[in-house]
C-alpha atoms as a PDB file:
ATOM      1  CA  UNK A   1      39.816   8.360  28.593  1.00  0.00           C
ATOM      2  CA  UNK A   2      38.121   8.698  31.603  1.00  0.00           C
ATOM      3  CA  UNK A   3      37.877   5.339  33.180  1.00  0.00           C
ATOM      4  CA  UNK A   4      35.305   3.835  35.478  1.00  0.00           C
ATOM      5  CA  UNK A   5      37.646   3.971  38.563  1.00  0.00           C
ATOM      6  CA  UNK A   6      38.399   7.482  37.644  1.00  0.00           C
ATOM      7  CA  UNK A   7      34.579   8.331  37.865  1.00  0.00           C
ATOM      8  CA  UNK A   8      34.537   6.415  41.122  1.00  0.00           C
ATOM      9  CA  UNK A   9      37.234   8.408  42.774  1.00  0.00           C
ATOM     10  CA  UNK A  10      36.006  11.846  41.233  1.00  0.00           C
ATOM     11  CA  UNK A  11      32.317  11.329  42.853  1.00  0.00           C
ATOM     12  CA  UNK A  12      33.961  10.528  46.243  1.00  0.00           C
ATOM     13  CA  UNK A  13      36.323  13.921  45.805  1.00  0.00           C
ATOM     14  CA  UNK A  14      33.138  15.825  44.656  1.00  0.00           C
ATOM     15  CA  UNK A  15      31.193  14.429  47.714  1.00  0.00           C
ATOM     16  CA  UNK A  16      33.778  15.424  50.312  1.00  0.00           C
ATOM     17  CA  UNK A  17      34.195  19.101  48.522  1.00  0.00           C
ATOM     18  CA  UNK A  18      30.510  19.770  49.590  1.00  0.00           C
ATOM     19  CA  UNK A  19      29.786  20.204  53.315  1.00  0.00           C
ATOM     20  CA  UNK A  20      26.052  18.923  53.327  1.00  0.00           C
ATOM     21  CA  UNK A  21      24.887  22.144  55.250  1.00  0.00           C
ATOM     22  CA  UNK A  22      21.092  22.977  55.504  1.00  0.00           C
ATOM     23  CA  UNK A  23      20.610  26.401  54.568  1.00  0.00           C
ATOM     24  CA  UNK A  24      19.218  28.409  57.373  1.00  0.00           C
ATOM     25  CA  UNK A  25      18.125  32.167  58.008  1.00  0.00           C
ATOM     26  CA  UNK A  26      21.331  34.112  58.362  1.00  0.00           C
ATOM     27  CA  UNK A  27      22.616  37.830  58.523  1.00  0.00           C
ATOM     28  CA  UNK A  28      23.781  38.095  54.938  1.00  0.00           C
ATOM     29  CA  UNK A  29      24.209  35.742  51.856  1.00  0.00           C
ATOM     30  CA  UNK A  30      27.672  36.220  50.176  1.00  0.00           C
ATOM     31  CA  UNK A  31      27.809  34.797  46.786  1.00  0.00           C
ATOM     32  CA  UNK A  32      31.430  34.129  45.674  1.00  0.00           C
ATOM     33  CA  UNK A  33      32.328  35.191  42.157  1.00  0.00           C
ATOM     34  CA  UNK A  34      33.335  32.653  39.336  1.00  0.00           C
ATOM     35  CA  UNK A  35      32.482  31.815  35.966  1.00  0.00           C
ATOM     36  CA  UNK A  36      29.286  30.322  37.226  1.00  0.00           C
ATOM     37  CA  UNK A  37      25.974  32.034  37.245  1.00  0.00           C
ATOM     38  CA  UNK A  38      24.305  29.384  39.117  1.00  0.00           C
ATOM     39  CA  UNK A  39      26.012  31.188  42.171  1.00  0.00           C
ATOM     40  CA  UNK A  40      23.498  34.029  41.689  1.00  0.00           C
ATOM     41  CA  UNK A  41      20.541  32.116  40.957  1.00  0.00           C
ATOM     42  CA  UNK A  42      20.964  29.889  44.053  1.00  0.00           C
ATOM     43  CA  UNK A  43      21.547  33.289  46.203  1.00  0.00           C
ATOM     44  CA  UNK A  44      18.310  34.521  44.599  1.00  0.00           C
ATOM     45  CA  UNK A  45      16.378  31.309  45.477  1.00  0.00           C
ATOM     46  CA  UNK A  46      17.834  31.415  49.112  1.00  0.00           C
ATOM     47  CA  UNK A  47      16.935  35.038  49.456  1.00  0.00           C
ATOM     48  CA  UNK A  48      13.321  34.461  47.992  1.00  0.00           C
ATOM     49  CA  UNK A  49      12.979  31.724  50.704  1.00  0.00           C
ATOM     50  CA  UNK A  50      13.801  34.053  53.573  1.00  0.00           C
ATOM     51  CA  UNK A  51      17.062  32.955  54.277  1.00  0.00           C
ATOM     52  CA  UNK A  52      18.946  36.227  54.059  1.00  0.00           C
ATOM     53  CA  UNK A  53      17.697  39.731  54.002  1.00  0.00           C
ATOM     54  CA  UNK A  54      20.675  41.056  52.093  1.00  0.00           C
ATOM     55  CA  UNK A  55      22.869  39.667  49.105  1.00  0.00           C
ATOM     56  CA  UNK A  56      26.395  40.612  48.634  1.00  0.00           C
ATOM     57  CA  UNK A  57      28.263  39.494  45.523  1.00  0.00           C
ATOM     58  CA  UNK A  58      32.159  39.539  45.465  1.00  0.00           C
ATOM     59  CA  UNK A  59      34.547  39.392  42.819  1.00  0.00           C
ATOM     60  CA  UNK A  60      36.287  41.047  40.184  1.00  0.00           C
ATOM     61  CA  UNK A  61      37.505  39.010  36.924  1.00  0.00           C
ATOM     62  CA  UNK A  62      40.112  36.227  36.216  1.00  0.00           C
ATOM     63  CA  UNK A  63      41.346  34.907  33.019  1.00  0.00           C
ATOM     64  CA  UNK A  64      38.565  32.298  32.786  1.00  0.00           C
ATOM     65  CA  UNK A  65      35.901  35.191  33.338  1.00  0.00           C
ATOM     66  CA  UNK A  66      37.317  38.367  31.444  1.00  0.00           C
ATOM     67  CA  UNK A  67      35.576  37.792  28.226  1.00  0.00           C
ATOM     68  CA  UNK A  68      32.392  36.236  29.628  1.00  0.00           C
ATOM     69  CA  UNK A  69      31.864  38.880  32.738  1.00  0.00           C
ATOM     70  CA  UNK A  70      33.779  42.254  31.315  1.00  0.00           C
ATOM     71  CA  UNK A  71      32.193  44.131  34.060  1.00  0.00           C
ATOM     72  CA  UNK A  72      33.558  42.003  36.743  1.00  0.00           C
ATOM     73  CA  UNK A  73      32.210  38.807  38.303  1.00  0.00           C
ATOM     74  CA  UNK A  74      30.055  40.607  41.272  1.00  0.00           C
ATOM     75  CA  UNK A  75      28.454  43.012  38.861  1.00  0.00           C
ATOM     76  CA  UNK A  76      27.096  40.386  36.407  1.00  0.00           C
ATOM     77  CA  UNK A  77      25.969  38.338  39.401  1.00  0.00           C
ATOM     78  CA  UNK A  78      24.182  41.559  40.958  1.00  0.00           C
ATOM     79  CA  UNK A  79      22.629  42.270  37.331  1.00  0.00           C
ATOM     80  CA  UNK A  80      21.413  38.556  37.224  1.00  0.00           C
ATOM     81  CA  UNK A  81      19.978  39.055  40.921  1.00  0.00           C
ATOM     82  CA  UNK A  82      17.791  42.135  39.674  1.00  0.00           C
ATOM     83  CA  UNK A  83      16.538  40.376  36.364  1.00  0.00           C
ATOM     84  CA  UNK A  84      15.092  37.473  38.818  1.00  0.00           C
ATOM     85  CA  UNK A  85      13.369  40.402  40.747  1.00  0.00           C
ATOM     86  CA  UNK A  86      15.498  41.085  43.747  1.00  0.00           C
ATOM     87  CA  UNK A  87      15.499  44.903  44.794  1.00  0.00           C
ATOM     88  CA  UNK A  88      18.517  46.973  44.276  1.00  0.00           C
ATOM     89  CA  UNK A  89      18.329  47.837  47.706  1.00  0.00           C
ATOM     90  CA  UNK A  90      19.035  44.326  48.756  1.00  0.00           C
ATOM     91  CA  UNK A  91      22.153  43.901  46.840  1.00  0.00           C
ATOM     92  CA  UNK A  92      25.709  44.963  47.546  1.00  0.00           C
ATOM     93  CA  UNK A  93      28.788  44.632  45.317  1.00  0.00           C
ATOM     94  CA  UNK A  94      32.243  44.024  46.310  1.00  0.00           C
ATOM     95  CA  UNK A  95      34.209  44.185  42.739  1.00  0.00           C
ATOM     96  CA  UNK A  96      37.871  43.951  43.863  1.00  0.00           C
ATOM     97  CA  UNK A  97      38.306  40.440  45.513  1.00  0.00           C
ATOM     98  CA  UNK A  98      40.344  38.064  43.023  1.00  0.00           C
ATOM     99  CA  UNK A  99      40.664  35.110  45.288  1.00  0.00           C
ATOM    100  CA  UNK A 100      38.666  33.375  48.078  1.00  0.00           C
ATOM    101  CA  UNK A 101      40.622  35.062  50.888  1.00  0.00           C
ATOM    102  CA  UNK A 102      39.878  38.382  49.546  1.00  0.00           C
ATOM    103  CA  UNK A 103      36.409  37.588  48.752  1.00  0.00           C
ATOM    104  CA  UNK A 104      36.028  37.237  52.370  1.00  0.00           C
ATOM    105  CA  UNK A 105      38.056  39.834  53.885  1.00  0.00           C
ATOM    106  CA  UNK A 106      36.476  42.266  51.279  1.00  0.00           C
ATOM    107  CA  UNK A 107      33.011  41.308  52.010  1.00  0.00           C
ATOM    108  CA  UNK A 108      33.614  41.603  55.684  1.00  0.00           C
ATOM    109  CA  UNK A 109      35.197  45.176  55.376  1.00  0.00           C
ATOM    110  CA  UNK A 110      32.292  46.287  53.330  1.00  0.00           C
ATOM    111  CA  UNK A 111      29.720  45.226  55.659  1.00  0.00           C
ATOM    112  CA  UNK A 112      31.518  46.532  58.573  1.00  0.00           C
ATOM    113  CA  UNK A 113      31.744  49.964  56.546  1.00  0.00           C
ATOM    114  CA  UNK A 114      28.106  49.832  55.973  1.00  0.00           C
ATOM    115  CA  UNK A 115      27.458  49.266  59.853  1.00  0.00           C
ATOM    116  CA  UNK A 116      25.556  46.013  59.111  1.00  0.00           C
ATOM    117  CA  UNK A 117      25.858  43.390  61.906  1.00  0.00           C
ATOM    118  CA  UNK A 118      26.812  40.051  60.686  1.00  0.00           C
ATOM    119  CA  UNK A 119      26.417  37.257  63.186  1.00  0.00           C
ATOM    120  CA  UNK A 120      25.888  34.343  60.608  1.00  0.00           C
ATOM    121  CA  UNK A 121      26.708  34.289  56.745  1.00  0.00           C
ATOM    122  CA  UNK A 122      25.134  31.908  54.329  1.00  0.00           C
ATOM    123  CA  UNK A 123      28.343  31.076  51.988  1.00  0.00           C
ATOM    124  CA  UNK A 124      27.417  30.741  48.562  1.00  0.00           C
ATOM    125  CA  UNK A 125      29.977  28.975  46.249  1.00  0.00           C
ATOM    126  CA  UNK A 126      30.309  26.414  43.393  1.00  0.00           C
ATOM    127  CA  UNK A 127      29.307  23.118  44.596  1.00  0.00           C
ATOM    128  CA  UNK A 128      32.948  21.652  44.380  1.00  0.00           C
ATOM    129  CA  UNK A 129      34.235  24.945  46.220  1.00  0.00           C
ATOM    130  CA  UNK A 130      32.019  24.635  49.604  1.00  0.00           C
ATOM    131  CA  UNK A 131      34.736  23.270  51.763  1.00  0.00           C
ATOM    132  CA  UNK A 132      37.253  25.533  50.396  1.00  0.00           C
ATOM    133  CA  UNK A 133      35.312  28.573  51.174  1.00  0.00           C
ATOM    134  CA  UNK A 134      34.028  27.604  54.417  1.00  0.00           C
ATOM    135  CA  UNK A 135      37.603  26.668  55.435  1.00  0.00           C
ATOM    136  CA  UNK A 136      38.590  30.280  54.398  1.00  0.00           C
ATOM    137  CA  UNK A 137      35.772  31.761  56.141  1.00  0.00           C
ATOM    138  CA  UNK A 138      36.506  30.153  59.578  1.00  0.00           C
ATOM    139  CA  UNK A 139      40.090  31.409  59.187  1.00  0.00           C
ATOM    140  CA  UNK A 140      39.654  34.822  58.223  1.00  0.00           C
ATOM    141  CA  UNK A 141      36.040  35.688  60.084  1.00  0.00           C
ATOM    142  CA  UNK A 142      36.099  33.193  63.178  1.00  0.00           C
ATOM    143  CA  UNK A 143      33.298  35.361  64.748  1.00  0.00           C
ATOM    144  CA  UNK A 144      30.695  34.390  62.657  1.00  0.00           C
ATOM    145  CA  UNK A 145      28.828  31.275  61.864  1.00  0.00           C
ATOM    146  CA  UNK A 146      29.207  29.969  58.359  1.00  0.00           C
ATOM    147  CA  UNK A 147      26.550  28.081  56.452  1.00  0.00           C
ATOM    148  CA  UNK A 148      27.574  26.529  53.216  1.00  0.00           C
ATOM    149  CA  UNK A 149      25.494  26.616  50.143  1.00  0.00           C
ATOM    150  CA  UNK A 150      25.628  25.761  46.509  1.00  0.00           C
ATOM    151  CA  UNK A 151      23.550  24.821  43.402  1.00  0.00           C
ATOM    152  CA  UNK A 152      22.074  21.392  44.294  1.00  0.00           C
ATOM    153  CA  UNK A 153      23.535  18.997  41.718  1.00  0.00           C
ATOM    154  CA  UNK A 154      25.072  15.801  40.929  1.00  0.00           C
ATOM    155  CA  UNK A 155      28.619  15.467  39.556  1.00  0.00           C
ATOM    156  CA  UNK A 156      26.906  14.585  36.363  1.00  0.00           C
ATOM    157  CA  UNK A 157      24.856  17.516  36.158  1.00  0.00           C
ATOM    158  CA  UNK A 158      27.796  19.501  36.766  1.00  0.00           C
ATOM    159  CA  UNK A 159      29.685  18.114  34.235  1.00  0.00           C
ATOM    160  CA  UNK A 160      26.864  18.301  31.824  1.00  0.00           C
ATOM    161  CA  UNK A 161      26.676  21.999  32.581  1.00  0.00           C
ATOM    162  CA  UNK A 162      30.349  22.849  31.830  1.00  0.00           C
ATOM    163  CA  UNK A 163      30.796  20.587  29.094  1.00  0.00           C
ATOM    164  CA  UNK A 164      34.356  19.133  29.840  1.00  0.00           C
ATOM    165  CA  UNK A 165      34.629  16.065  32.186  1.00  0.00           C
ATOM    166  CA  UNK A 166      38.346  16.271  32.162  1.00  0.00           C
ATOM    167  CA  UNK A 167      38.461  19.925  33.231  1.00  0.00           C
ATOM    168  CA  UNK A 168      36.066  19.339  35.731  1.00  0.00           C
ATOM    169  CA  UNK A 169      37.942  16.569  37.592  1.00  0.00           C
ATOM    170  CA  UNK A 170      41.156  18.831  37.266  1.00  0.00           C
ATOM    171  CA  UNK A 171      39.016  21.129  38.994  1.00  0.00           C
ATOM    172  CA  UNK A 172      38.153  18.841  41.892  1.00  0.00           C
ATOM    173  CA  UNK A 173      41.912  17.695  42.053  1.00  0.00           C
ATOM    174  CA  UNK A 174      43.118  21.146  42.187  1.00  0.00           C
ATOM    175  CA  UNK A 175      40.673  22.242  44.935  1.00  0.00           C
ATOM    176  CA  UNK A 176      41.658  19.244  47.215  1.00  0.00           C
ATOM    177  CA  UNK A 177      45.294  19.969  46.827  1.00  0.00           C
ATOM    178  CA  UNK A 178      44.425  23.577  48.203  1.00  0.00           C
ATOM    179  CA  UNK A 179      42.827  22.184  50.975  1.00  0.00           C
ATOM    180  CA  UNK A 180      45.678  20.085  52.192  1.00  0.00           C
ATOM    181  CA  UNK A 181      48.389  22.860  51.547  1.00  0.00           C
ATOM    182  CA  UNK A 182      46.433  26.293  52.449  1.00  0.00           C
ATOM    183  CA  UNK A 183      46.119  25.515  56.288  1.00  0.00           C
ATOM    184  CA  UNK A 184      49.835  25.308  56.477  1.00  0.00           C
ATOM    185  CA  UNK A 185      50.139  28.614  54.706  1.00  0.00           C
ATOM    186  CA  UNK A 186      47.784  30.625  56.906  1.00  0.00           C
ATOM    187  CA  UNK A 187      44.956  30.947  54.383  1.00  0.00           C
ATOM    188  CA  UNK A 188      42.375  28.613  55.936  1.00  0.00           C
ATOM    189  CA  UNK A 189      41.531  26.080  58.897  1.00  0.00           C
ATOM    190  CA  UNK A 190      42.479  22.560  58.279  1.00  0.00           C
ATOM    191  CA  UNK A 191      39.514  19.956  57.672  1.00  0.00           C
ATOM    192  CA  UNK A 192      39.729  16.217  58.495  1.00  0.00           C
ATOM    193  CA  UNK A 193      40.721  14.217  55.367  1.00  0.00           C
ATOM    194  CA  UNK A 194      39.387  10.738  55.062  1.00  0.00           C
ATOM    195  CA  UNK A 195      41.767   8.139  53.948  1.00  0.00           C
ATOM    196  CA  UNK A 196      39.355   7.004  50.913  1.00  0.00           C
ATOM    197  CA  UNK A 197      39.107  10.673  49.616  1.00  0.00           C
ATOM    198  CA  UNK A 198      42.991  10.717  49.787  1.00  0.00           C
ATOM    199  CA  UNK A 199      43.530   7.573  48.042  1.00  0.00           C
ATOM    200  CA  UNK A 200      41.031   8.766  45.331  1.00  0.00           C
ATOM    201  CA  UNK A 201      42.867  12.155  45.133  1.00  0.00           C
ATOM    202  CA  UNK A 202      46.332  10.117  44.763  1.00  0.00           C
ATOM    203  CA  UNK A 203      44.970   7.955  42.144  1.00  0.00           C
ATOM    204  CA  UNK A 204      43.375  10.942  40.324  1.00  0.00           C
ATOM    205  CA  UNK A 205      46.786  12.836  40.199  1.00  0.00           C
ATOM    206  CA  UNK A 206      48.586   9.703  38.973  1.00  0.00           C
ATOM    207  CA  UNK A 207      45.991   9.283  36.199  1.00  0.00           C
ATOM    208  CA  UNK A 208      47.006  12.762  35.071  1.00  0.00           C
ATOM    209  CA  UNK A 209      44.194  14.758  36.354  1.00  0.00           C
ATOM    210  CA  UNK A 210      46.660  17.550  37.194  1.00  0.00           C
ATOM    211  CA  UNK A 211      46.273  20.597  35.187  1.00  0.00           C
ATOM    212  CA  UNK A 212      44.897  22.643  38.173  1.00  0.00           C
ATOM    213  CA  UNK A 213      47.463  21.711  40.621  1.00  0.00           C
ATOM    214  CA  UNK A 214      49.789  24.186  42.268  1.00  0.00           C
ATOM    215  CA  UNK A 215      53.720  24.212  42.126  1.00  0.00           C
ATOM    216  CA  UNK A 216      55.319  23.954  45.628  1.00  0.00           C
ATOM    217  CA  UNK A 217      55.507  27.631  45.700  1.00  0.00           C
ATOM    218  CA  UNK A 218      53.067  29.731  47.910  1.00  0.00           C
ATOM    219  CA  UNK A 219      49.918  30.835  46.157  1.00  0.00           C
ATOM    220  CA  UNK A 220      47.195  32.939  47.394  1.00  0.00           C
ATOM    221  CA  UNK A 221      43.950  31.388  48.434  1.00  0.00           C
END
């Protein structure tokens, strides 16, 4: 059972994960691969609004996407964008990345190889991954300005889209743990953690929302 306090805490953590940036025109929009085709949809929306002249989708497959996206996350995102009217000339695909750090590094390498100058990046992720993606990009690509974006939606709307409230809260907790431990491992920059967010995280851990927590061993970003 998910209690009223659990929901209060989950909403506080959800809010923290979002950067609150306003989209603005950038050199390129990079969509981070995942199970969520909404990343491709919002990337297309931002492209059509003139926020980037080029879309780059990055991602291989993972245990959660292998069956749903057998050709790879980035390829499925590309296909979705073209279905929605984006010309093939405006889409690049980076099909190897298996974590957020690789998403950033491999995307940067591809753009450099293509001779595309980048001063700013519109970084598109799942709503609860905005801060993690931002902190990772700031560490690995400090020369560019990073503007975070995701599908505008509430926690309740996201839970409805996934269909599993406990899993979503587990993911929120796991993403927050990574924000706390990955800076020490050199994977991302450190982010200020408000006391009320930390307290919400601790209560959710105590309530058993722990399936997405990492062990104390080092893991990749």
